[in-house]
């Protein structure tokens, strides 16, 4: 039962980050605002927003591949390592004038859920 819960949470997190990455391709300005650091419509930030989208999609695909082909233990290590991203995003938002609500309510909370996912995967 724990394996099913841990694996399901990992898949959901992997799919969520793929969705977020795809959103940076489809609607980059809106996605940046939802991230917590809005950008100007007329700025030159689109290439960087595309890079962020690609990074997120890649992270999700790696997570899904690890879980499918290497199992829960490999996915647990991946989740633990990838938690650095939302922890770092917390500081990016704070450092660039974003709201504390976005920094802690979105990014820090995500990092905590990713660490919990890793713990569940290690226990499974």
C-alpha atoms as a PDB file:
ATOM      1  CA  UNK A   1       0.000   0.000   0.000  1.00  0.00           C
ATOM      2  CA  UNK A   2       2.809   2.428   0.871  1.00  0.00           C
ATOM      3  CA  UNK A   3       4.511   1.719  -2.448  1.00  0.00           C
ATOM      4  CA  UNK A   4       1.326   2.618  -4.342  1.00  0.00           C
ATOM      5  CA  UNK A   5       0.902   5.870  -2.399  1.00  0.00           C
ATOM      6  CA  UNK A   6       4.562   6.829  -2.763  1.00  0.00           C
ATOM      7  CA  UNK A   7       4.629   6.011  -6.471  1.00  0.00           C
ATOM      8  CA  UNK A   8       1.366   7.840  -7.136  1.00  0.00           C
ATOM      9  CA  UNK A   9       2.600  10.969  -5.372  1.00  0.00           C
ATOM     10  CA  UNK A  10       5.854  10.821  -7.342  1.00  0.00           C
ATOM     11  CA  UNK A  11       4.008  10.454 -10.652  1.00  0.00           C
ATOM     12  CA  UNK A  12       1.710  13.350  -9.775  1.00  0.00           C
ATOM     13  CA  UNK A  13       4.669  15.578  -8.903  1.00  0.00           C
ATOM     14  CA  UNK A  14       6.478  14.579 -12.099  1.00  0.00           C
ATOM     15  CA  UNK A  15       3.382  15.302 -14.199  1.00  0.00           C
ATOM     16  CA  UNK A  16       2.791  18.594 -12.396  1.00  0.00           C
ATOM     17  CA  UNK A  17       6.264  19.892 -13.195  1.00  0.00           C
ATOM     18  CA  UNK A  18       5.836  18.797 -16.831  1.00  0.00           C
ATOM     19  CA  UNK A  19       2.572  20.780 -16.928  1.00  0.00           C
ATOM     20  CA  UNK A  20       4.267  23.822 -15.389  1.00  0.00           C
ATOM     21  CA  UNK A  21       7.087  23.580 -17.925  1.00  0.00           C
ATOM     22  CA  UNK A  22       4.639  23.300 -20.813  1.00  0.00           C
ATOM     23  CA  UNK A  23       2.865  26.385 -19.496  1.00  0.00           C
ATOM     24  CA  UNK A  24       6.119  28.347 -19.806  1.00  0.00           C
ATOM     25  CA  UNK A  25       6.118  27.429 -23.508  1.00  0.00           C
ATOM     26  CA  UNK A  26       2.431  28.179 -24.091  1.00  0.00           C
ATOM     27  CA  UNK A  27       1.894  31.325 -21.998  1.00  0.00           C
ATOM     28  CA  UNK A  28       5.306  32.454 -20.725  1.00  0.00           C
ATOM     29  CA  UNK A  29       4.266  35.841 -19.303  1.00  0.00           C
ATOM     30  CA  UNK A  30       1.351  34.375 -17.335  1.00  0.00           C
ATOM     31  CA  UNK A  31       3.495  31.457 -16.184  1.00  0.00           C
ATOM     32  CA  UNK A  32       6.170  33.844 -14.914  1.00  0.00           C
ATOM     33  CA  UNK A  33       3.551  35.797 -12.977  1.00  0.00           C
ATOM     34  CA  UNK A  34       2.265  32.562 -11.428  1.00  0.00           C
ATOM     35  CA  UNK A  35       5.860  31.637 -10.550  1.00  0.00           C
ATOM     36  CA  UNK A  36       5.977  34.761  -8.409  1.00  0.00           C
ATOM     37  CA  UNK A  37       8.291  37.024 -10.394  1.00  0.00           C
ATOM     38  CA  UNK A  38       6.337  38.750 -13.164  1.00  0.00           C
ATOM     39  CA  UNK A  39       8.186  39.975 -16.237  1.00  0.00           C
ATOM     40  CA  UNK A  40       7.465  42.802 -18.629  1.00  0.00           C
ATOM     41  CA  UNK A  41       5.612  41.877 -21.792  1.00  0.00           C
ATOM     42  CA  UNK A  42       8.040  43.927 -23.889  1.00  0.00           C
ATOM     43  CA  UNK A  43      11.184  42.612 -22.170  1.00  0.00           C
ATOM     44  CA  UNK A  44      13.719  40.163 -23.542  1.00  0.00           C
ATOM     45  CA  UNK A  45      12.863  37.471 -21.030  1.00  0.00           C
ATOM     46  CA  UNK A  46      11.113  35.019 -23.367  1.00  0.00           C
ATOM     47  CA  UNK A  47      14.265  32.957 -24.028  1.00  0.00           C
ATOM     48  CA  UNK A  48      14.821  32.561 -20.288  1.00  0.00           C
ATOM     49  CA  UNK A  49      11.213  31.608 -19.715  1.00  0.00           C
ATOM     50  CA  UNK A  50      11.574  28.975 -22.436  1.00  0.00           C
ATOM     51  CA  UNK A  51      14.695  27.661 -20.711  1.00  0.00           C
ATOM     52  CA  UNK A  52      12.744  27.400 -17.454  1.00  0.00           C
ATOM     53  CA  UNK A  53       9.988  25.501 -19.230  1.00  0.00           C
ATOM     54  CA  UNK A  54      12.479  23.106 -20.768  1.00  0.00           C
ATOM     55  CA  UNK A  55      14.173  22.553 -17.394  1.00  0.00           C
ATOM     56  CA  UNK A  56      10.852  21.730 -15.772  1.00  0.00           C
ATOM     57  CA  UNK A  57       9.714  19.375 -18.530  1.00  0.00           C
ATOM     58  CA  UNK A  58      13.068  17.590 -18.449  1.00  0.00           C
ATOM     59  CA  UNK A  59      12.899  17.166 -14.669  1.00  0.00           C
ATOM     60  CA  UNK A  60       9.465  15.600 -14.886  1.00  0.00           C
ATOM     61  CA  UNK A  61      10.447  13.251 -17.705  1.00  0.00           C
ATOM     62  CA  UNK A  62      13.564  12.094 -15.859  1.00  0.00           C
ATOM     63  CA  UNK A  63      11.464  11.404 -12.778  1.00  0.00           C
ATOM     64  CA  UNK A  64       8.941   9.363 -14.740  1.00  0.00           C
ATOM     65  CA  UNK A  65      11.706   7.414 -16.492  1.00  0.00           C
ATOM     66  CA  UNK A  66      13.467   6.628 -13.224  1.00  0.00           C
ATOM     67  CA  UNK A  67      10.300   5.403 -11.608  1.00  0.00           C
ATOM     68  CA  UNK A  68       9.336   3.303 -14.619  1.00  0.00           C
ATOM     69  CA  UNK A  69      12.731   1.760 -15.325  1.00  0.00           C
ATOM     70  CA  UNK A  70      14.691   1.884 -12.066  1.00  0.00           C
ATOM     71  CA  UNK A  71      12.060   1.775  -9.332  1.00  0.00           C
ATOM     72  CA  UNK A  72      11.191   3.625  -6.172  1.00  0.00           C
ATOM     73  CA  UNK A  73      14.683   3.772  -4.677  1.00  0.00           C
ATOM     74  CA  UNK A  74      16.133   5.608  -7.696  1.00  0.00           C
ATOM     75  CA  UNK A  75      13.086   7.897  -7.801  1.00  0.00           C
ATOM     76  CA  UNK A  76      13.589   8.655  -4.098  1.00  0.00           C
ATOM     77  CA  UNK A  77      17.161   9.829  -4.711  1.00  0.00           C
ATOM     78  CA  UNK A  78      15.971  11.856  -7.684  1.00  0.00           C
ATOM     79  CA  UNK A  79      13.229  13.530  -5.635  1.00  0.00           C
ATOM     80  CA  UNK A  80      15.683  14.336  -2.876  1.00  0.00           C
ATOM     81  CA  UNK A  81      18.093  15.908  -5.361  1.00  0.00           C
ATOM     82  CA  UNK A  82      15.411  17.727  -7.331  1.00  0.00           C
ATOM     83  CA  UNK A  83      14.051  19.323  -4.130  1.00  0.00           C
ATOM     84  CA  UNK A  84      16.940  21.772  -4.518  1.00  0.00           C
ATOM     85  CA  UNK A  85      15.010  23.415  -7.377  1.00  0.00           C
ATOM     86  CA  UNK A  86      11.901  24.544  -5.449  1.00  0.00           C
ATOM     87  CA  UNK A  87      14.031  25.473  -2.416  1.00  0.00           C
ATOM     88  CA  UNK A  88      16.138  27.610  -4.760  1.00  0.00           C
ATOM     89  CA  UNK A  89      13.015  29.013  -6.416  1.00  0.00           C
ATOM     90  CA  UNK A  90      11.921  30.222  -2.972  1.00  0.00           C
ATOM     91  CA  UNK A  91      15.025  32.386  -2.747  1.00  0.00           C
ATOM     92  CA  UNK A  92      14.766  33.532  -6.369  1.00  0.00           C
ATOM     93  CA  UNK A  93      11.269  34.851  -5.746  1.00  0.00           C
ATOM     94  CA  UNK A  94      12.269  36.571  -2.494  1.00  0.00           C
ATOM     95  CA  UNK A  95      15.419  38.060  -3.999  1.00  0.00           C
ATOM     96  CA  UNK A  96      13.592  39.470  -7.006  1.00  0.00           C
ATOM     97  CA  UNK A  97      10.751  41.268  -5.275  1.00  0.00           C
ATOM     98  CA  UNK A  98       8.184  38.497  -5.423  1.00  0.00           C
ATOM     99  CA  UNK A  99       5.697  38.007  -2.653  1.00  0.00           C
ATOM    100  CA  UNK A 100       6.449  35.978   0.442  1.00  0.00           C
ATOM    101  CA  UNK A 101       3.157  34.190  -0.151  1.00  0.00           C
ATOM    102  CA  UNK A 102       4.395  32.924  -3.535  1.00  0.00           C
ATOM    103  CA  UNK A 103       7.863  32.129  -2.212  1.00  0.00           C
ATOM    104  CA  UNK A 104       6.677  30.099   0.747  1.00  0.00           C
ATOM    105  CA  UNK A 105       3.160  29.098  -0.320  1.00  0.00           C
ATOM    106  CA  UNK A 106       4.200  27.783  -3.721  1.00  0.00           C
ATOM    107  CA  UNK A 107       7.923  27.052  -3.853  1.00  0.00           C
ATOM    108  CA  UNK A 108       8.871  26.220  -0.267  1.00  0.00           C
ATOM    109  CA  UNK A 109       5.695  24.163   0.164  1.00  0.00           C
ATOM    110  CA  UNK A 110       6.503  22.305  -3.051  1.00  0.00           C
ATOM    111  CA  UNK A 111      10.012  21.574  -1.800  1.00  0.00           C
ATOM    112  CA  UNK A 112       8.599  20.135   1.417  1.00  0.00           C
ATOM    113  CA  UNK A 113       6.151  17.926  -0.518  1.00  0.00           C
ATOM    114  CA  UNK A 114       8.988  16.717  -2.765  1.00  0.00           C
ATOM    115  CA  UNK A 115      11.090  15.803   0.306  1.00  0.00           C
ATOM    116  CA  UNK A 116       8.082  13.995   1.795  1.00  0.00           C
ATOM    117  CA  UNK A 117       7.699  12.155  -1.507  1.00  0.00           C
ATOM    118  CA  UNK A 118      11.364  11.114  -1.311  1.00  0.00           C
ATOM    119  CA  UNK A 119      10.886   9.868   2.251  1.00  0.00           C
ATOM    120  CA  UNK A 120       7.845   7.819   1.243  1.00  0.00           C
ATOM    121  CA  UNK A 121       9.704   6.357  -1.722  1.00  0.00           C
ATOM    122  CA  UNK A 122      12.657   5.389   0.497  1.00  0.00           C
ATOM    123  CA  UNK A 123      10.233   3.725   2.933  1.00  0.00           C
ATOM    124  CA  UNK A 124       8.364   1.838   0.199  1.00  0.00           C
END
